[in-house]
């Protein structure tokens, strides 16, 4: 069963609770070599998830799938 990271309570701005930093903390605390479901609100939050994944692509991060669930998007992401 994949672990889930729900970003809907994260701040959409830059800061310590931004989606990108929340994902990084999750990755560091939970470890890599796994698939993770990331839930994000459409718009700025989802954009930040995609930008983070693109920036981390050279580290091996991959968005495996993106599922539209109305007001939210559910990403399946591989964390190396």
N, C-alpha and C. Protein backbone atom coordinates (compact mmCIF):
# COMPACT_ATOMS: atom_id res chain seq x y z
N UNK A 1 0.84 -1.18 0.00
CA UNK A 1 0.00 0.00 0.00
C UNK A 1 0.89 1.25 0.00
N UNK A 2 0.64 2.12 -0.94
CA UNK A 2 1.42 3.34 -1.05
C UNK A 2 1.09 4.30 0.09
N UNK A 3 2.10 5.02 0.55
CA UNK A 3 1.87 6.04 1.55
C UNK A 3 1.23 7.25 0.88
N UNK A 4 0.50 8.02 1.66
CA UNK A 4 -0.21 9.18 1.12
C UNK A 4 0.26 10.44 1.82
N UNK A 5 0.50 11.48 1.04
CA UNK A 5 0.83 12.80 1.55
C UNK A 5 -0.26 13.75 1.07
N UNK A 6 -1.06 14.26 2.00
CA UNK A 6 -2.16 15.17 1.68
C UNK A 6 -1.68 16.60 1.88
N UNK A 7 -1.56 17.33 0.77
CA UNK A 7 -1.06 18.69 0.83
C UNK A 7 -2.17 19.73 0.98
N UNK A 8 -3.41 19.31 1.04
CA UNK A 8 -4.50 20.27 1.03
C UNK A 8 -4.47 21.25 2.21
N UNK A 9 -3.77 20.91 3.28
CA UNK A 9 -3.66 21.82 4.42
C UNK A 9 -2.38 22.67 4.35
N UNK A 10 -1.54 22.44 3.34
CA UNK A 10 -0.29 23.19 3.21
C UNK A 10 -0.55 24.60 2.70
N UNK A 11 0.36 25.46 3.02
CA UNK A 11 0.33 26.83 2.53
C UNK A 11 0.65 26.80 1.03
N UNK A 12 -0.03 27.64 0.24
CA UNK A 12 0.25 27.66 -1.20
C UNK A 12 1.36 28.64 -1.54
N UNK A 13 1.83 29.39 -0.56
CA UNK A 13 2.89 30.37 -0.79
C UNK A 13 4.25 29.70 -0.55
N UNK A 14 5.29 30.49 -0.77
CA UNK A 14 6.63 30.01 -0.43
C UNK A 14 6.79 30.13 1.07
N UNK A 15 7.38 29.18 1.67
CA UNK A 15 7.59 29.20 3.11
C UNK A 15 7.79 27.81 3.64
N UNK A 16 7.87 27.69 4.94
CA UNK A 16 8.19 26.40 5.54
C UNK A 16 7.09 25.37 5.38
N UNK A 17 5.86 25.80 5.09
CA UNK A 17 4.78 24.82 4.89
C UNK A 17 4.33 24.77 3.43
N UNK A 18 5.19 25.22 2.52
CA UNK A 18 4.86 25.16 1.10
C UNK A 18 4.82 23.70 0.64
N UNK A 19 4.10 23.40 -0.43
CA UNK A 19 4.06 22.03 -0.92
C UNK A 19 5.44 21.44 -1.20
N UNK A 20 6.33 22.20 -1.81
CA UNK A 20 7.66 21.67 -2.14
C UNK A 20 8.43 21.26 -0.89
N UNK A 21 8.41 22.10 0.13
CA UNK A 21 9.14 21.76 1.36
C UNK A 21 8.44 20.64 2.12
N UNK A 22 7.13 20.60 2.07
CA UNK A 22 6.40 19.51 2.71
C UNK A 22 6.76 18.17 2.08
N UNK A 23 6.85 18.15 0.75
CA UNK A 23 7.24 16.92 0.04
C UNK A 23 8.67 16.53 0.41
N UNK A 24 9.59 17.51 0.45
CA UNK A 24 10.98 17.22 0.79
C UNK A 24 11.08 16.63 2.20
N UNK A 25 10.38 17.22 3.17
CA UNK A 25 10.41 16.70 4.54
C UNK A 25 9.85 15.27 4.58
N UNK A 26 8.76 15.04 3.84
CA UNK A 26 8.16 13.70 3.79
C UNK A 26 9.17 12.71 3.22
N UNK A 27 9.83 13.07 2.15
CA UNK A 27 10.82 12.22 1.49
C UNK A 27 11.96 11.89 2.45
N UNK A 28 12.44 12.90 3.17
CA UNK A 28 13.54 12.68 4.12
C UNK A 28 13.10 11.82 5.30
N UNK A 29 11.90 12.02 5.79
CA UNK A 29 11.46 11.26 6.97
C UNK A 29 11.02 9.84 6.63
N UNK A 30 10.40 9.65 5.47
CA UNK A 30 9.85 8.33 5.09
C UNK A 30 10.81 7.51 4.25
N UNK A 31 11.82 8.16 3.69
CA UNK A 31 12.78 7.45 2.87
C UNK A 31 12.35 7.34 1.41
N UNK A 32 13.24 6.86 0.60
CA UNK A 32 12.98 6.76 -0.83
C UNK A 32 12.71 5.34 -1.27
N UNK A 33 12.87 5.13 -2.57
CA UNK A 33 12.63 3.84 -3.20
C UNK A 33 11.20 3.37 -2.97
N UNK A 34 10.25 4.30 -3.16
CA UNK A 34 8.85 3.96 -2.97
C UNK A 34 7.96 4.88 -3.81
N UNK A 35 6.74 4.39 -4.04
CA UNK A 35 5.73 5.20 -4.69
C UNK A 35 4.86 5.83 -3.61
N UNK A 36 4.52 7.10 -3.81
CA UNK A 36 3.74 7.86 -2.83
C UNK A 36 2.59 8.53 -3.56
N UNK A 37 1.41 8.54 -2.94
CA UNK A 37 0.29 9.32 -3.46
C UNK A 37 0.36 10.70 -2.84
N UNK A 38 0.31 11.73 -3.67
CA UNK A 38 0.31 13.11 -3.20
C UNK A 38 -1.00 13.74 -3.63
N UNK A 39 -1.77 14.24 -2.67
CA UNK A 39 -3.05 14.89 -2.94
C UNK A 39 -2.83 16.39 -2.89
N UNK A 40 -3.22 17.09 -3.97
CA UNK A 40 -3.04 18.53 -4.04
C UNK A 40 -4.29 19.19 -4.60
N UNK A 41 -4.55 20.40 -4.14
CA UNK A 41 -5.65 21.19 -4.67
C UNK A 41 -5.26 21.68 -6.06
N UNK A 42 -6.20 21.69 -6.98
CA UNK A 42 -5.94 22.20 -8.32
C UNK A 42 -5.50 23.65 -8.24
N UNK A 43 -4.66 24.04 -9.16
CA UNK A 43 -4.18 25.41 -9.20
C UNK A 43 -2.75 25.50 -8.73
N UNK A 44 -2.49 26.47 -7.86
CA UNK A 44 -1.12 26.75 -7.41
C UNK A 44 -0.48 25.54 -6.75
N UNK A 45 -1.22 24.85 -5.90
CA UNK A 45 -0.65 23.69 -5.19
C UNK A 45 -0.23 22.60 -6.17
N UNK A 46 -1.10 22.26 -7.11
CA UNK A 46 -0.78 21.24 -8.10
C UNK A 46 0.40 21.68 -8.97
N UNK A 47 0.42 22.96 -9.33
CA UNK A 47 1.53 23.49 -10.12
C UNK A 47 2.85 23.32 -9.37
N UNK A 48 2.82 23.56 -8.05
CA UNK A 48 4.04 23.44 -7.26
C UNK A 48 4.51 21.99 -7.17
N UNK A 49 3.57 21.04 -7.10
CA UNK A 49 3.95 19.62 -7.09
C UNK A 49 4.65 19.29 -8.41
N UNK A 50 4.08 19.74 -9.51
CA UNK A 50 4.67 19.43 -10.82
C UNK A 50 6.01 20.11 -11.02
N UNK A 51 6.14 21.36 -10.55
CA UNK A 51 7.43 22.06 -10.67
C UNK A 51 8.49 21.39 -9.81
N UNK A 52 8.10 20.95 -8.59
CA UNK A 52 9.04 20.27 -7.71
C UNK A 52 9.52 18.97 -8.37
N UNK A 53 8.58 18.19 -8.91
CA UNK A 53 8.94 16.92 -9.55
C UNK A 53 9.86 17.16 -10.74
N UNK A 54 9.60 18.21 -11.50
CA UNK A 54 10.46 18.53 -12.64
C UNK A 54 11.86 18.92 -12.16
N UNK A 55 11.93 19.72 -11.09
CA UNK A 55 13.22 20.14 -10.56
C UNK A 55 14.01 18.96 -9.99
N UNK A 56 13.32 17.94 -9.48
CA UNK A 56 13.97 16.79 -8.87
C UNK A 56 14.13 15.61 -9.84
N UNK A 57 13.79 15.82 -11.08
CA UNK A 57 13.86 14.76 -12.08
C UNK A 57 15.26 14.17 -12.18
N UNK A 58 16.28 15.04 -12.10
CA UNK A 58 17.66 14.54 -12.20
C UNK A 58 18.06 13.70 -10.99
N UNK A 59 17.29 13.77 -9.91
CA UNK A 59 17.52 12.92 -8.72
C UNK A 59 16.77 11.60 -8.83
N UNK A 60 15.91 11.47 -9.85
CA UNK A 60 15.17 10.22 -10.06
C UNK A 60 13.69 10.29 -9.72
N UNK A 61 13.20 11.48 -9.30
CA UNK A 61 11.77 11.62 -9.00
C UNK A 61 10.98 11.57 -10.30
N UNK A 62 9.86 10.81 -10.27
CA UNK A 62 9.01 10.69 -11.47
C UNK A 62 7.55 10.77 -11.06
N UNK A 63 6.76 11.53 -11.82
CA UNK A 63 5.31 11.48 -11.66
C UNK A 63 4.84 10.32 -12.52
N UNK A 64 4.29 9.30 -11.88
CA UNK A 64 3.86 8.09 -12.59
C UNK A 64 2.45 8.23 -13.14
N UNK A 65 1.59 8.95 -12.40
CA UNK A 65 0.23 9.18 -12.88
C UNK A 65 -0.34 10.40 -12.19
N UNK A 66 -1.40 10.95 -12.81
CA UNK A 66 -2.10 12.10 -12.27
C UNK A 66 -3.59 11.86 -12.48
N UNK A 67 -4.34 11.84 -11.40
CA UNK A 67 -5.76 11.53 -11.45
C UNK A 67 -6.56 12.76 -11.03
N UNK A 68 -7.49 13.20 -11.88
CA UNK A 68 -8.34 14.36 -11.60
C UNK A 68 -9.55 13.92 -10.78
N UNK A 69 -9.71 14.51 -9.61
CA UNK A 69 -10.81 14.16 -8.70
C UNK A 69 -11.64 15.39 -8.38
N UNK A 70 -12.03 16.15 -9.39
CA UNK A 70 -12.84 17.35 -9.17
C UNK A 70 -12.01 18.53 -8.75
N UNK A 71 -12.01 18.85 -7.44
CA UNK A 71 -11.26 20.01 -6.95
C UNK A 71 -9.84 19.66 -6.53
N UNK A 72 -9.46 18.40 -6.67
CA UNK A 72 -8.11 17.98 -6.28
C UNK A 72 -7.50 17.07 -7.34
N UNK A 73 -6.20 16.96 -7.29
CA UNK A 73 -5.46 16.04 -8.15
C UNK A 73 -4.71 15.06 -7.25
N UNK A 74 -4.70 13.81 -7.65
CA UNK A 74 -3.95 12.79 -6.92
C UNK A 74 -2.82 12.31 -7.82
N UNK A 75 -1.61 12.57 -7.37
CA UNK A 75 -0.41 12.17 -8.10
C UNK A 75 0.13 10.89 -7.50
N UNK A 76 0.60 10.02 -8.35
CA UNK A 76 1.39 8.88 -7.89
C UNK A 76 2.83 9.23 -8.30
N UNK A 77 3.68 9.37 -7.30
CA UNK A 77 5.05 9.84 -7.52
C UNK A 77 6.04 8.81 -7.02
N UNK A 78 7.07 8.56 -7.80
CA UNK A 78 8.15 7.68 -7.36
C UNK A 78 9.24 8.54 -6.73
N UNK A 79 9.55 8.24 -5.48
CA UNK A 79 10.66 8.89 -4.77
C UNK A 79 11.81 7.90 -4.70
N UNK A 80 12.93 8.22 -5.35
CA UNK A 80 14.07 7.29 -5.36
C UNK A 80 14.75 7.15 -4.01
